[in-house]
Amino acid sequence: MDPNQDVAVLMVVSGEPEADVVCGLLRSSGIECGYRDTSAIDSPLEDFMAAGQREILVHAADLEAARALVEDAVS
């Protein structure tokens, strides 16, 4: 997913493994997604570690459908 397109932040998750699970769920339902580091990472090691929170990104047009899908999955 190109972050320069019309994207929206669906949610923030604790790390890369959780981001992979959420994106897997979204992709299995046909929703294109991706994730990126958040600005919440504030460590001198952040450029060397794949740790910390991630923002899940979806196309803005898919935001409501993605929210509904995630809410159904956790309830």
N, C-alpha and C. Protein backbone atom coordinates (compact mmCIF):
# COMPACT_ATOMS: atom_id res chain seq x y z
N MET A 1 0.85 -1.18 0.00
CA MET A 1 0.00 0.00 0.00
C MET A 1 0.89 1.23 0.00
N ASP A 2 0.60 2.14 -0.88
CA ASP A 2 1.36 3.37 -1.00
C ASP A 2 0.85 4.38 0.03
N PRO A 3 1.66 4.76 1.04
CA PRO A 3 1.18 5.70 2.05
C PRO A 3 0.93 7.10 1.51
N ASN A 4 1.29 7.37 0.25
CA ASN A 4 1.02 8.67 -0.35
C ASN A 4 -0.38 8.73 -0.95
N GLN A 5 -1.07 7.59 -1.02
CA GLN A 5 -2.44 7.58 -1.52
C GLN A 5 -3.37 8.07 -0.42
N ASP A 6 -4.66 8.09 -0.71
CA ASP A 6 -5.67 8.53 0.25
C ASP A 6 -5.87 7.41 1.27
N VAL A 7 -5.09 7.46 2.36
CA VAL A 7 -5.15 6.41 3.38
C VAL A 7 -5.63 6.99 4.70
N ALA A 8 -6.12 6.10 5.54
CA ALA A 8 -6.57 6.48 6.87
C ALA A 8 -6.00 5.48 7.86
N VAL A 9 -5.77 5.94 9.08
CA VAL A 9 -5.29 5.06 10.13
C VAL A 9 -6.50 4.36 10.74
N LEU A 10 -6.52 3.04 10.60
CA LEU A 10 -7.60 2.24 11.17
C LEU A 10 -7.44 2.10 12.67
N MET A 11 -6.24 1.77 13.09
CA MET A 11 -5.97 1.56 14.51
C MET A 11 -4.47 1.52 14.73
N VAL A 12 -4.08 1.57 15.99
CA VAL A 12 -2.68 1.42 16.38
C VAL A 12 -2.59 0.14 17.19
N VAL A 13 -1.63 -0.70 16.83
CA VAL A 13 -1.44 -1.98 17.52
C VAL A 13 -0.07 -1.98 18.20
N SER A 14 0.13 -2.97 19.06
CA SER A 14 1.32 -2.99 19.91
C SER A 14 2.62 -3.27 19.19
N GLY A 15 2.57 -3.96 18.06
CA GLY A 15 3.82 -4.28 17.38
C GLY A 15 3.59 -4.95 16.04
N GLU A 16 4.69 -5.33 15.40
CA GLU A 16 4.62 -5.91 14.06
C GLU A 16 3.86 -7.24 14.00
N PRO A 17 4.02 -8.14 14.97
CA PRO A 17 3.25 -9.40 14.89
C PRO A 17 1.73 -9.15 14.90
N GLU A 18 1.28 -8.24 15.75
CA GLU A 18 -0.15 -7.93 15.79
C GLU A 18 -0.59 -7.24 14.49
N ALA A 19 0.25 -6.39 13.95
CA ALA A 19 -0.07 -5.72 12.69
C ALA A 19 -0.22 -6.75 11.57
N ASP A 20 0.64 -7.78 11.56
CA ASP A 20 0.53 -8.83 10.56
C ASP A 20 -0.79 -9.59 10.67
N VAL A 21 -1.23 -9.85 11.90
CA VAL A 21 -2.49 -10.57 12.11
C VAL A 21 -3.67 -9.72 11.63
N VAL A 22 -3.69 -8.45 12.02
CA VAL A 22 -4.80 -7.57 11.62
C VAL A 22 -4.82 -7.41 10.10
N CYS A 23 -3.67 -7.21 9.49
CA CYS A 23 -3.63 -7.06 8.03
C CYS A 23 -4.04 -8.36 7.34
N GLY A 24 -3.68 -9.50 7.91
CA GLY A 24 -4.11 -10.77 7.34
C GLY A 24 -5.62 -10.90 7.34
N LEU A 25 -6.24 -10.48 8.43
CA LEU A 25 -7.71 -10.51 8.52
C LEU A 25 -8.32 -9.59 7.47
N LEU A 26 -7.80 -8.38 7.36
CA LEU A 26 -8.34 -7.42 6.40
C LEU A 26 -8.16 -7.92 4.96
N ARG A 27 -6.98 -8.41 4.66
CA ARG A 27 -6.71 -8.88 3.29
C ARG A 27 -7.56 -10.08 2.93
N SER A 28 -7.84 -10.95 3.91
CA SER A 28 -8.68 -12.11 3.62
C SER A 28 -10.11 -11.71 3.27
N SER A 29 -10.47 -10.48 3.60
CA SER A 29 -11.80 -9.95 3.25
C SER A 29 -11.73 -8.97 2.09
N GLY A 30 -10.58 -8.90 1.44
CA GLY A 30 -10.45 -8.06 0.25
C GLY A 30 -10.15 -6.60 0.52
N ILE A 31 -9.73 -6.27 1.73
CA ILE A 31 -9.40 -4.89 2.07
C ILE A 31 -7.89 -4.73 2.03
N GLU A 32 -7.41 -3.88 1.14
CA GLU A 32 -5.98 -3.62 1.02
C GLU A 32 -5.52 -2.82 2.24
N CYS A 33 -4.39 -3.20 2.79
CA CYS A 33 -3.90 -2.52 3.99
C CYS A 33 -2.39 -2.57 4.05
N GLY A 34 -1.86 -1.87 5.00
CA GLY A 34 -0.44 -1.86 5.28
C GLY A 34 -0.24 -1.32 6.68
N TYR A 35 1.00 -1.26 7.12
CA TYR A 35 1.27 -0.66 8.42
C TYR A 35 2.60 0.05 8.40
N ARG A 36 2.76 0.93 9.37
CA ARG A 36 3.99 1.71 9.49
C ARG A 36 4.26 1.99 10.96
N ASP A 37 5.50 2.38 11.25
CA ASP A 37 5.85 2.80 12.61
C ASP A 37 5.02 4.02 12.97
N THR A 38 4.75 4.17 14.24
CA THR A 38 4.10 5.40 14.70
C THR A 38 5.15 6.36 15.21
N SER A 39 4.74 7.57 15.43
CA SER A 39 5.65 8.55 16.01
C SER A 39 5.81 8.32 17.50
N ALA A 40 5.07 7.33 18.05
CA ALA A 40 5.16 7.03 19.48
C ALA A 40 6.50 6.38 19.84
N ILE A 41 7.21 5.84 18.84
CA ILE A 41 8.52 5.26 19.12
C ILE A 41 9.48 6.41 19.38
N ASP A 42 10.06 6.41 20.53
CA ASP A 42 10.96 7.49 20.90
C ASP A 42 12.17 6.90 21.60
N SER A 43 13.00 6.26 20.83
CA SER A 43 14.16 5.57 21.38
C SER A 43 15.36 5.80 20.47
N PRO A 44 16.54 5.91 21.04
CA PRO A 44 17.73 6.04 20.19
C PRO A 44 17.98 4.80 19.35
N LEU A 45 17.35 3.67 19.70
CA LEU A 45 17.54 2.43 18.97
C LEU A 45 16.47 2.19 17.92
N GLU A 46 15.53 3.13 17.76
CA GLU A 46 14.39 2.89 16.88
C GLU A 46 14.77 2.57 15.45
N ASP A 47 15.90 3.08 14.97
CA ASP A 47 16.32 2.78 13.61
C ASP A 47 16.93 1.39 13.47
N PHE A 48 17.23 0.75 14.59
CA PHE A 48 17.89 -0.54 14.57
C PHE A 48 16.99 -1.68 15.02
N MET A 49 15.82 -1.37 15.55
CA MET A 49 14.93 -2.39 16.10
C MET A 49 13.59 -2.37 15.37
N ALA A 50 13.02 -3.54 15.20
CA ALA A 50 11.67 -3.64 14.65
C ALA A 50 10.72 -3.83 15.82
N ALA A 51 10.66 -2.85 16.67
CA ALA A 51 9.82 -2.94 17.86
C ALA A 51 8.97 -1.68 17.96
N GLY A 52 7.90 -1.79 18.72
CA GLY A 52 7.07 -0.63 18.97
C GLY A 52 5.77 -0.66 18.21
N GLN A 53 4.96 0.32 18.49
CA GLN A 53 3.62 0.39 17.93
C GLN A 53 3.64 0.58 16.42
N ARG A 54 2.57 0.09 15.79
CA ARG A 54 2.38 0.24 14.34
C ARG A 54 0.98 0.81 14.08
N GLU A 55 0.89 1.66 13.08
CA GLU A 55 -0.41 2.15 12.60
C GLU A 55 -0.85 1.25 11.46
N ILE A 56 -2.08 0.77 11.52
CA ILE A 56 -2.67 -0.01 10.43
C ILE A 56 -3.33 0.98 9.49
N LEU A 57 -2.95 0.93 8.21
CA LEU A 57 -3.47 1.85 7.21
C LEU A 57 -4.38 1.13 6.23
N VAL A 58 -5.48 1.78 5.89
CA VAL A 58 -6.39 1.29 4.85
C VAL A 58 -6.76 2.47 3.97
N HIS A 59 -7.29 2.18 2.79
CA HIS A 59 -7.80 3.27 1.95
C HIS A 59 -8.95 3.94 2.71
N ALA A 60 -9.03 5.24 2.61
CA ALA A 60 -10.07 5.99 3.32
C ALA A 60 -11.46 5.47 2.98
N ALA A 61 -11.67 5.06 1.74
CA ALA A 61 -12.98 4.55 1.33
C ALA A 61 -13.33 3.22 2.01
N ASP A 62 -12.32 2.49 2.49
CA ASP A 62 -12.54 1.20 3.14
C ASP A 62 -12.55 1.28 4.66
N LEU A 63 -12.40 2.46 5.21
CA LEU A 63 -12.24 2.62 6.65
C LEU A 63 -13.41 2.04 7.45
N GLU A 64 -14.62 2.37 7.09
CA GLU A 64 -15.77 1.89 7.87
C GLU A 64 -15.92 0.37 7.78
N ALA A 65 -15.72 -0.19 6.60
CA ALA A 65 -15.81 -1.65 6.44
C ALA A 65 -14.70 -2.33 7.24
N ALA A 66 -13.52 -1.75 7.25
CA ALA A 66 -12.40 -2.32 8.02
C ALA A 66 -12.68 -2.26 9.51
N ARG A 67 -13.23 -1.16 9.98
CA ARG A 67 -13.58 -1.04 11.41
C ARG A 67 -14.60 -2.09 11.81
N ALA A 68 -15.61 -2.26 10.99
CA ALA A 68 -16.66 -3.25 11.28
C ALA A 68 -16.07 -4.65 11.32
N LEU A 69 -15.19 -4.97 10.40
CA LEU A 69 -14.57 -6.28 10.35
C LEU A 69 -13.73 -6.55 11.59
N VAL A 70 -12.94 -5.59 11.99
CA VAL A 70 -12.09 -5.75 13.19
C VAL A 70 -12.95 -5.86 14.44
N GLU A 71 -13.99 -5.05 14.53
CA GLU A 71 -14.88 -5.10 15.70
C GLU A 71 -15.56 -6.47 15.80
N ASP A 72 -16.01 -7.02 14.68
CA ASP A 72 -16.62 -8.34 14.68
C ASP A 72 -15.63 -9.42 15.11
N ALA A 73 -14.38 -9.27 14.71
CA ALA A 73 -13.36 -10.27 15.01
C ALA A 73 -13.00 -10.30 16.49
N VAL A 74 -13.06 -9.16 17.15
CA VAL A 74 -12.67 -9.11 18.57
C VAL A 74 -13.83 -9.32 19.52
N SER A 75 -15.03 -9.33 19.01
CA SER A 75 -16.19 -9.52 19.92
C SER A 75 -16.71 -10.92 19.90
